[in-house]
């Protein structure tokens, strides 16, 4: 097993702690952003193309 110095252990611990906080507070906003992007792309498709009756507009 590799032996790390105390300074290296502290750095690894700090990186892990920062990563946990970033994942904790960033996960839900990321999911919401991705869902919103998917929703916006499908909405713009429906708004820009004619439906089966030849009309344009929102459903």
C-alpha atoms as a PDB file:
ATOM      1  CA  UNK A   1       0.000   0.000   0.000  1.00  0.00           C
ATOM      2  CA  UNK A   2       1.212   3.510  -0.797  1.00  0.00           C
ATOM      3  CA  UNK A   3       2.159   5.717   2.131  1.00  0.00           C
ATOM      4  CA  UNK A   4       1.065   9.345   1.794  1.00  0.00           C
ATOM      5  CA  UNK A   5       2.437  12.294   3.698  1.00  0.00           C
ATOM      6  CA  UNK A   6       0.146  14.190   6.063  1.00  0.00           C
ATOM      7  CA  UNK A   7      -0.013  17.103   3.619  1.00  0.00           C
ATOM      8  CA  UNK A   8      -1.136  14.807   0.795  1.00  0.00           C
ATOM      9  CA  UNK A   9      -3.767  13.196   3.025  1.00  0.00           C
ATOM     10  CA  UNK A  10      -5.110  16.649   3.940  1.00  0.00           C
ATOM     11  CA  UNK A  11      -5.270  17.679   0.284  1.00  0.00           C
ATOM     12  CA  UNK A  12      -7.100  14.492  -0.687  1.00  0.00           C
ATOM     13  CA  UNK A  13      -9.536  14.966   2.193  1.00  0.00           C
ATOM     14  CA  UNK A  14     -10.170  18.583   1.176  1.00  0.00           C
ATOM     15  CA  UNK A  15     -10.781  17.608  -2.470  1.00  0.00           C
ATOM     16  CA  UNK A  16     -13.213  14.888  -1.392  1.00  0.00           C
ATOM     17  CA  UNK A  17     -15.064  17.297   0.919  1.00  0.00           C
ATOM     18  CA  UNK A  18     -15.345  19.949  -1.800  1.00  0.00           C
ATOM     19  CA  UNK A  19     -16.528  17.306  -4.278  1.00  0.00           C
ATOM     20  CA  UNK A  20     -19.211  16.130  -1.856  1.00  0.00           C
ATOM     21  CA  UNK A  21     -20.517  19.677  -1.411  1.00  0.00           C
ATOM     22  CA  UNK A  22     -20.482  20.297  -5.179  1.00  0.00           C
ATOM     23  CA  UNK A  23     -22.377  17.074  -5.852  1.00  0.00           C
ATOM     24  CA  UNK A  24     -24.789  17.714  -2.974  1.00  0.00           C
ATOM     25  CA  UNK A  25     -25.773  21.205  -4.143  1.00  0.00           C
ATOM     26  CA  UNK A  26     -25.262  20.685  -7.874  1.00  0.00           C
ATOM     27  CA  UNK A  27     -27.083  17.426  -8.561  1.00  0.00           C
ATOM     28  CA  UNK A  28     -30.681  18.634  -8.459  1.00  0.00           C
ATOM     29  CA  UNK A  29     -30.026  21.885 -10.368  1.00  0.00           C
ATOM     30  CA  UNK A  30     -28.178  19.855 -13.023  1.00  0.00           C
ATOM     31  CA  UNK A  31     -31.114  17.466 -13.409  1.00  0.00           C
ATOM     32  CA  UNK A  32     -33.562  20.382 -13.571  1.00  0.00           C
ATOM     33  CA  UNK A  33     -31.385  22.109 -16.181  1.00  0.00           C
ATOM     34  CA  UNK A  34     -31.182  18.977 -18.323  1.00  0.00           C
ATOM     35  CA  UNK A  35     -34.935  18.388 -18.126  1.00  0.00           C
ATOM     36  CA  UNK A  36     -35.556  22.034 -18.989  1.00  0.00           C
ATOM     37  CA  UNK A  37     -33.231  21.808 -21.992  1.00  0.00           C
ATOM     38  CA  UNK A  38     -35.063  18.711 -23.205  1.00  0.00           C
ATOM     39  CA  UNK A  39     -38.418  20.416 -22.668  1.00  0.00           C
ATOM     40  CA  UNK A  40     -37.314  23.586 -24.466  1.00  0.00           C
ATOM     41  CA  UNK A  41     -35.986  21.690 -27.465  1.00  0.00           C
ATOM     42  CA  UNK A  42     -39.212  19.708 -27.856  1.00  0.00           C
ATOM     43  CA  UNK A  43     -41.345  22.852 -27.355  1.00  0.00           C
ATOM     44  CA  UNK A  44     -39.439  24.793 -29.979  1.00  0.00           C
ATOM     45  CA  UNK A  45     -39.924  21.874 -32.357  1.00  0.00           C
ATOM     46  CA  UNK A  46     -43.694  21.981 -31.864  1.00  0.00           C
ATOM     47  CA  UNK A  47     -43.826  25.752 -32.194  1.00  0.00           C
ATOM     48  CA  UNK A  48     -41.782  25.924 -35.380  1.00  0.00           C
ATOM     49  CA  UNK A  49     -43.466  23.125 -37.340  1.00  0.00           C
ATOM     50  CA  UNK A  50     -47.014  22.840 -38.581  1.00  0.00           C
ATOM     51  CA  UNK A  51     -49.240  20.235 -37.020  1.00  0.00           C
ATOM     52  CA  UNK A  52     -51.343  17.742 -39.001  1.00  0.00           C
ATOM     53  CA  UNK A  53     -54.072  20.328 -39.603  1.00  0.00           C
ATOM     54  CA  UNK A  54     -51.696  22.853 -41.154  1.00  0.00           C
ATOM     55  CA  UNK A  55     -51.851  25.198 -38.187  1.00  0.00           C
ATOM     56  CA  UNK A  56     -48.926  26.503 -36.216  1.00  0.00           C
ATOM     57  CA  UNK A  57     -48.841  27.171 -32.518  1.00  0.00           C
ATOM     58  CA  UNK A  58     -48.630  25.593 -29.147  1.00  0.00           C
ATOM     59  CA  UNK A  59     -50.442  22.429 -28.278  1.00  0.00           C
END
